[in-house]
Amino acid sequence: MIGARLVTVSGITKVGQDIWLQRHTRRAKYRVIWIGEPDTVQAGQIGVETLEPANVIWENELRIRIMQK
């Protein structure tokens, strides 16, 4: 599974919802796999998994950040 945790997200209402995410000119379809409960550390956050494993929209940026640490 290739996925991500997104913060400060609005408009997502249910687990299982398919959404499009875009980063610069790259766009891919993801599925919501969890939504942070109100009044918890995860409030306002969601977890997503890609529906297009060959199309990871932020892979290069993450690889650079990991290598710098």
PDB file of N, CA and C in Angstrom:
ATOM      1  N   MET A   1       0.840  -1.184   0.000  1.00  0.00           N
ATOM      2  CA  MET A   1       0.000   0.000   0.000  1.00  0.00           C
ATOM      3  C   MET A   1       0.881   1.241   0.000  1.00  0.00           C
ATOM      4  N   ILE A   2       0.536   2.183  -0.821  1.00  0.00           N
ATOM      5  CA  ILE A   2       1.188   3.482  -0.833  1.00  0.00           C
ATOM      6  C   ILE A   2       0.137   4.488  -0.403  1.00  0.00           C
ATOM      7  N   GLY A   3       0.452   5.228   0.623  1.00  0.00           N
ATOM      8  CA  GLY A   3      -0.538   6.159   1.131  1.00  0.00           C
ATOM      9  C   GLY A   3       0.098   7.350   1.793  1.00  0.00           C
ATOM     10  N   ALA A   4      -0.737   8.113   2.476  1.00  0.00           N
ATOM     11  CA  ALA A   4      -0.259   9.330   3.128  1.00  0.00           C
ATOM     12  C   ALA A   4      -1.234   9.729   4.225  1.00  0.00           C
ATOM     13  N   ARG A   5      -0.722  10.550   5.127  1.00  0.00           N
ATOM     14  CA  ARG A   5      -1.561  11.192   6.136  1.00  0.00           C
ATOM     15  C   ARG A   5      -1.610  12.663   5.760  1.00  0.00           C
ATOM     16  N   LEU A   6      -2.792  13.195   5.633  1.00  0.00           N
ATOM     17  CA  LEU A   6      -2.977  14.592   5.251  1.00  0.00           C
ATOM     18  C   LEU A   6      -3.533  15.361   6.439  1.00  0.00           C
ATOM     19  N   VAL A   7      -3.066  16.580   6.633  1.00  0.00           N
ATOM     20  CA  VAL A   7      -3.539  17.403   7.747  1.00  0.00           C
ATOM     21  C   VAL A   7      -4.301  18.613   7.229  1.00  0.00           C
ATOM     22  N   THR A   8      -5.149  19.164   8.080  1.00  0.00           N
ATOM     23  CA  THR A   8      -5.983  20.328   7.781  1.00  0.00           C
ATOM     24  C   THR A   8      -6.814  20.086   6.525  1.00  0.00           C
ATOM     25  N   VAL A   9      -7.566  19.011   6.557  1.00  0.00           N
ATOM     26  CA  VAL A   9      -8.402  18.625   5.430  1.00  0.00           C
ATOM     27  C   VAL A   9      -9.859  18.909   5.775  1.00  0.00           C
ATOM     28  N   SER A  10     -10.593  19.472   4.821  1.00  0.00           N
ATOM     29  CA  SER A  10     -12.026  19.686   5.026  1.00  0.00           C
ATOM     30  C   SER A  10     -12.786  19.107   3.844  1.00  0.00           C
ATOM     31  N   GLY A  11     -14.057  18.839   4.051  1.00  0.00           N
ATOM     32  CA  GLY A  11     -14.899  18.343   2.972  1.00  0.00           C
ATOM     33  C   GLY A  11     -14.884  16.839   2.786  1.00  0.00           C
ATOM     34  N   ILE A  12     -14.071  16.128   3.550  1.00  0.00           N
ATOM     35  CA  ILE A  12     -14.042  14.671   3.485  1.00  0.00           C
ATOM     36  C   ILE A  12     -14.995  14.163   4.560  1.00  0.00           C
ATOM     37  N   THR A  13     -15.960  13.357   4.160  1.00  0.00           N
ATOM     38  CA  THR A  13     -17.021  12.996   5.098  1.00  0.00           C
ATOM     39  C   THR A  13     -17.073  11.521   5.470  1.00  0.00           C
ATOM     40  N   LYS A  14     -16.432  10.640   4.671  1.00  0.00           N
ATOM     41  CA  LYS A  14     -16.555   9.230   5.029  1.00  0.00           C
ATOM     42  C   LYS A  14     -15.371   8.409   4.556  1.00  0.00           C
ATOM     43  N   VAL A  15     -15.078   7.391   5.328  1.00  0.00           N
ATOM     44  CA  VAL A  15     -14.072   6.416   4.941  1.00  0.00           C
ATOM     45  C   VAL A  15     -14.587   5.673   3.714  1.00  0.00           C
ATOM     46  N   GLY A  16     -13.694   5.402   2.779  1.00  0.00           N
ATOM     47  CA  GLY A  16     -14.075   4.735   1.537  1.00  0.00           C
ATOM     48  C   GLY A  16     -14.321   5.697   0.394  1.00  0.00           C
ATOM     49  N   GLN A  17     -14.386   6.984   0.700  1.00  0.00           N
ATOM     50  CA  GLN A  17     -14.607   8.007  -0.320  1.00  0.00           C
ATOM     51  C   GLN A  17     -13.391   8.083  -1.228  1.00  0.00           C
ATOM     52  N   ASP A  18     -13.593   8.132  -2.542  1.00  0.00           N
ATOM     53  CA  ASP A  18     -12.508   8.322  -3.496  1.00  0.00           C
ATOM     54  C   ASP A  18     -12.340   9.807  -3.751  1.00  0.00           C
ATOM     55  N   ILE A  19     -11.087  10.250  -3.739  1.00  0.00           N
ATOM     56  CA  ILE A  19     -10.787  11.669  -3.942  1.00  0.00           C
ATOM     57  C   ILE A  19      -9.620  11.807  -4.918  1.00  0.00           C
ATOM     58  N   TRP A  20      -9.522  12.955  -5.545  1.00  0.00           N
ATOM     59  CA  TRP A  20      -8.376  13.291  -6.387  1.00  0.00           C
ATOM     60  C   TRP A  20      -7.480  14.235  -5.600  1.00  0.00           C
ATOM     61  N   LEU A  21      -6.185  13.957  -5.601  1.00  0.00           N
ATOM     62  CA  LEU A  21      -5.208  14.854  -4.992  1.00  0.00           C
ATOM     63  C   LEU A  21      -4.293  15.366  -6.087  1.00  0.00           C
ATOM     64  N   GLN A  22      -3.926  16.634  -5.972  1.00  0.00           N
ATOM     65  CA  GLN A  22      -3.029  17.226  -6.959  1.00  0.00           C
ATOM     66  C   GLN A  22      -1.875  17.911  -6.261  1.00  0.00           C
ATOM     67  N   ARG A  23      -0.684  17.710  -6.786  1.00  0.00           N
ATOM     68  CA  ARG A  23       0.522  18.381  -6.302  1.00  0.00           C
ATOM     69  C   ARG A  23       1.228  18.920  -7.518  1.00  0.00           C
ATOM     70  N   HIS A  24       1.302  20.227  -7.613  1.00  0.00           N
ATOM     71  CA  HIS A  24       1.829  20.907  -8.807  1.00  0.00           C
ATOM     72  C   HIS A  24       1.045  20.414 -10.024  1.00  0.00           C
ATOM     73  N   THR A  25       1.700  19.790 -10.989  1.00  0.00           N
ATOM     74  CA  THR A  25       0.996  19.361 -12.199  1.00  0.00           C
ATOM     75  C   THR A  25       0.628  17.882 -12.175  1.00  0.00           C
ATOM     76  N   ARG A  26       0.952  17.188 -11.089  1.00  0.00           N
ATOM     77  CA  ARG A  26       0.656  15.757 -10.993  1.00  0.00           C
ATOM     78  C   ARG A  26      -0.638  15.547 -10.199  1.00  0.00           C
ATOM     79  N   ARG A  27      -1.444  14.621 -10.682  1.00  0.00           N
ATOM     80  CA  ARG A  27      -2.743  14.359 -10.066  1.00  0.00           C
ATOM     81  C   ARG A  27      -2.977  12.851 -10.003  1.00  0.00           C
ATOM     82  N   ALA A  28      -3.566  12.368  -8.909  1.00  0.00           N
ATOM     83  CA  ALA A  28      -3.829  10.935  -8.774  1.00  0.00           C
ATOM     84  C   ALA A  28      -5.058  10.709  -7.902  1.00  0.00           C
ATOM     85  N   LYS A  29      -5.645   9.540  -8.071  1.00  0.00           N
ATOM     86  CA  LYS A  29      -6.848   9.177  -7.329  1.00  0.00           C
ATOM     87  C   LYS A  29      -6.460   8.378  -6.085  1.00  0.00           C
ATOM     88  N   TYR A  30      -7.064   8.735  -4.955  1.00  0.00           N
ATOM     89  CA  TYR A  30      -6.803   8.091  -3.662  1.00  0.00           C
ATOM     90  C   TYR A  30      -8.124   7.714  -3.007  1.00  0.00           C
ATOM     91  N   ARG A  31      -8.050   6.800  -2.053  1.00  0.00           N
ATOM     92  CA  ARG A  31      -9.221   6.412  -1.261  1.00  0.00           C
ATOM     93  C   ARG A  31      -8.958   6.758   0.202  1.00  0.00           C
ATOM     94  N   VAL A  32      -9.949   7.356   0.853  1.00  0.00           N
ATOM     95  CA  VAL A  32      -9.850   7.683   2.274  1.00  0.00           C
ATOM     96  C   VAL A  32      -9.954   6.387   3.064  1.00  0.00           C
ATOM     97  N   ILE A  33      -8.943   6.119   3.928  1.00  0.00           N
ATOM     98  CA  ILE A  33      -8.963   4.883   4.711  1.00  0.00           C
ATOM     99  C   ILE A  33      -9.200   5.152   6.198  1.00  0.00           C
ATOM    100  N   TRP A  34      -9.007   6.385   6.649  1.00  0.00           N
ATOM    101  CA  TRP A  34      -9.392   6.754   8.016  1.00  0.00           C
ATOM    102  C   TRP A  34      -9.553   8.261   8.104  1.00  0.00           C
ATOM    103  N   ILE A  35     -10.368   8.677   9.063  1.00  0.00           N
ATOM    104  CA  ILE A  35     -10.611  10.097   9.333  1.00  0.00           C
ATOM    105  C   ILE A  35     -10.399  10.301  10.823  1.00  0.00           C
ATOM    106  N   GLY A  36      -9.593  11.300  11.176  1.00  0.00           N
ATOM    107  CA  GLY A  36      -9.334  11.588  12.587  1.00  0.00           C
ATOM    108  C   GLY A  36     -10.600  12.016  13.313  1.00  0.00           C
ATOM    109  N   GLU A  37     -10.797  11.452  14.475  1.00  0.00           N
ATOM    110  CA  GLU A  37     -11.973  11.774  15.284  1.00  0.00           C
ATOM    111  C   GLU A  37     -11.827  13.169  15.914  1.00  0.00           C
ATOM    112  N   PRO A  38     -12.931  13.915  16.038  1.00  0.00           N
ATOM    113  CA  PRO A  38     -12.874  15.224  16.715  1.00  0.00           C
ATOM    114  C   PRO A  38     -12.316  15.068  18.128  1.00  0.00           C
ATOM    115  N   ASP A  39     -11.666  16.091  18.605  1.00  0.00           N
ATOM    116  CA  ASP A  39     -11.112  16.127  19.965  1.00  0.00           C
ATOM    117  C   ASP A  39     -10.034  15.073  20.206  1.00  0.00           C
ATOM    118  N   THR A  40      -9.357  14.640  19.142  1.00  0.00           N
ATOM    119  CA  THR A  40      -8.208  13.744  19.287  1.00  0.00           C
ATOM    120  C   THR A  40      -7.013  14.384  18.597  1.00  0.00           C
ATOM    121  N   VAL A  41      -5.861  13.792  18.775  1.00  0.00           N
ATOM    122  CA  VAL A  41      -4.645  14.294  18.116  1.00  0.00           C
ATOM    123  C   VAL A  41      -4.807  14.260  16.598  1.00  0.00           C
ATOM    124  N   GLN A  42      -5.580  13.308  16.084  1.00  0.00           N
ATOM    125  CA  GLN A  42      -5.762  13.165  14.635  1.00  0.00           C
ATOM    126  C   GLN A  42      -6.909  14.011  14.066  1.00  0.00           C
ATOM    127  N   ALA A  43      -7.559  14.822  14.871  1.00  0.00           N
ATOM    128  CA  ALA A  43      -8.665  15.656  14.373  1.00  0.00           C
ATOM    129  C   ALA A  43      -8.180  16.512  13.205  1.00  0.00           C
ATOM    130  N   GLY A  44      -8.967  16.566  12.140  1.00  0.00           N
ATOM    131  CA  GLY A  44      -8.617  17.350  10.964  1.00  0.00           C
ATOM    132  C   GLY A  44      -7.670  16.644  10.022  1.00  0.00           C
ATOM    133  N   GLN A  45      -7.323  15.399  10.323  1.00  0.00           N
ATOM    134  CA  GLN A  45      -6.417  14.632   9.475  1.00  0.00           C
ATOM    135  C   GLN A  45      -7.163  13.471   8.830  1.00  0.00           C
ATOM    136  N   ILE A  46      -6.638  13.010   7.693  1.00  0.00           N
ATOM    137  CA  ILE A  46      -7.168  11.805   7.056  1.00  0.00           C
ATOM    138  C   ILE A  46      -6.005  10.953   6.583  1.00  0.00           C
ATOM    139  N   GLY A  47      -6.270   9.665   6.460  1.00  0.00           N
ATOM    140  CA  GLY A  47      -5.318   8.740   5.855  1.00  0.00           C
ATOM    141  C   GLY A  47      -5.858   8.329   4.504  1.00  0.00           C
ATOM    142  N   VAL A  48      -4.999   8.298   3.506  1.00  0.00           N
ATOM    143  CA  VAL A  48      -5.407   7.913   2.156  1.00  0.00           C
ATOM    144  C   VAL A  48      -4.462   6.852   1.610  1.00  0.00           C
ATOM    145  N   GLU A  49      -4.984   6.032   0.699  1.00  0.00           N
ATOM    146  CA  GLU A  49      -4.141   5.093  -0.030  1.00  0.00           C
ATOM    147  C   GLU A  49      -4.377   5.311  -1.516  1.00  0.00           C
ATOM    148  N   THR A  50      -3.325   5.120  -2.284  1.00  0.00           N
ATOM    149  CA  THR A  50      -3.433   5.385  -3.707  1.00  0.00           C
ATOM    150  C   THR A  50      -4.252   4.312  -4.416  1.00  0.00           C
ATOM    151  N   LEU A  51      -4.973   4.725  -5.415  1.00  0.00           N
ATOM    152  CA  LEU A  51      -5.664   3.807  -6.308  1.00  0.00           C
ATOM    153  C   LEU A  51      -4.892   3.678  -7.612  1.00  0.00           C
ATOM    154  N   GLU A  52      -3.775   4.416  -7.708  1.00  0.00           N
ATOM    155  CA  GLU A  52      -2.917   4.397  -8.884  1.00  0.00           C
ATOM    156  C   GLU A  52      -1.456   4.260  -8.425  1.00  0.00           C
ATOM    157  N   PRO A  53      -1.022   3.066  -8.018  1.00  0.00           N
ATOM    158  CA  PRO A  53       0.316   2.901  -7.445  1.00  0.00           C
ATOM    159  C   PRO A  53       1.467   3.394  -8.325  1.00  0.00           C
ATOM    160  N   ALA A  54       1.292   3.398  -9.619  1.00  0.00           N
ATOM    161  CA  ALA A  54       2.361   3.862 -10.510  1.00  0.00           C
ATOM    162  C   ALA A  54       2.406   5.387 -10.614  1.00  0.00           C
ATOM    163  N   ASN A  55       1.435   6.066 -10.012  1.00  0.00           N
ATOM    164  CA  ASN A  55       1.316   7.514 -10.146  1.00  0.00           C
ATOM    165  C   ASN A  55       1.356   8.168  -8.764  1.00  0.00           C
ATOM    166  N   VAL A  56       2.512   8.147  -8.123  1.00  0.00           N
ATOM    167  CA  VAL A  56       2.664   8.750  -6.794  1.00  0.00           C
ATOM    168  C   VAL A  56       3.038  10.214  -6.998  1.00  0.00           C
ATOM    169  N   ILE A  57       2.177  11.105  -6.525  1.00  0.00           N
ATOM    170  CA  ILE A  57       2.329  12.522  -6.873  1.00  0.00           C
ATOM    171  C   ILE A  57       3.408  13.249  -6.103  1.00  0.00           C
ATOM    172  N   TRP A  58       3.883  12.706  -4.990  1.00  0.00           N
ATOM    173  CA  TRP A  58       4.912  13.414  -4.216  1.00  0.00           C
ATOM    174  C   TRP A  58       6.133  12.571  -3.917  1.00  0.00           C
ATOM    175  N   GLU A  59       6.320  11.500  -4.594  1.00  0.00           N
ATOM    176  CA  GLU A  59       7.411  10.571  -4.309  1.00  0.00           C
ATOM    177  C   GLU A  59       8.787  11.240  -4.331  1.00  0.00           C
ATOM    178  N   ASN A  60       9.088  12.015  -5.340  1.00  0.00           N
ATOM    179  CA  ASN A  60      10.413  12.628  -5.440  1.00  0.00           C
ATOM    180  C   ASN A  60      10.698  13.568  -4.278  1.00  0.00           C
ATOM    181  N   GLU A  61       9.732  14.385  -3.900  1.00  0.00           N
ATOM    182  CA  GLU A  61       9.924  15.313  -2.790  1.00  0.00           C
ATOM    183  C   GLU A  61      10.170  14.562  -1.483  1.00  0.00           C
ATOM    184  N   LEU A  62       9.414  13.513  -1.240  1.00  0.00           N
ATOM    185  CA  LEU A  62       9.605  12.742  -0.008  1.00  0.00           C
ATOM    186  C   LEU A  62      10.962  12.057   0.027  1.00  0.00           C
ATOM    187  N   ARG A  63      11.385  11.510  -1.089  1.00  0.00           N
ATOM    188  CA  ARG A  63      12.688  10.852  -1.148  1.00  0.00           C
ATOM    189  C   ARG A  63      13.796  11.845  -0.794  1.00  0.00           C
ATOM    190  N   ILE A  64      13.718  13.055  -1.310  1.00  0.00           N
ATOM    191  CA  ILE A  64      14.719  14.089  -1.022  1.00  0.00           C
ATOM    192  C   ILE A  64      14.718  14.432   0.469  1.00  0.00           C
ATOM    193  N   ARG A  65      13.538  14.595   1.081  1.00  0.00           N
ATOM    194  CA  ARG A  65      13.444  14.927   2.508  1.00  0.00           C
ATOM    195  C   ARG A  65      14.008  13.819   3.378  1.00  0.00           C
ATOM    196  N   ILE A  66      13.714  12.573   3.034  1.00  0.00           N
ATOM    197  CA  ILE A  66      14.218  11.431   3.813  1.00  0.00           C
ATOM    198  C   ILE A  66      15.737  11.367   3.730  1.00  0.00           C
ATOM    199  N   MET A  67      16.297  11.603   2.580  1.00  0.00           N
ATOM    200  CA  MET A  67      17.746  11.519   2.391  1.00  0.00           C
ATOM    201  C   MET A  67      18.468  12.643   3.129  1.00  0.00           C
ATOM    202  N   GLN A  68      17.811  13.774   3.348  1.00  0.00           N
ATOM    203  CA  GLN A  68      18.443  14.908   4.034  1.00  0.00           C
ATOM    204  C   GLN A  68      18.521  14.686   5.537  1.00  0.00           C
ATOM    205  N   LYS A  69      17.744  13.770   6.091  1.00  0.00           N
ATOM    206  CA  LYS A  69      17.724  13.554   7.546  1.00  0.00           C
ATOM    207  C   LYS A  69      18.853  12.657   8.002  1.00  0.00           C
TER     208      LYS A  69
END
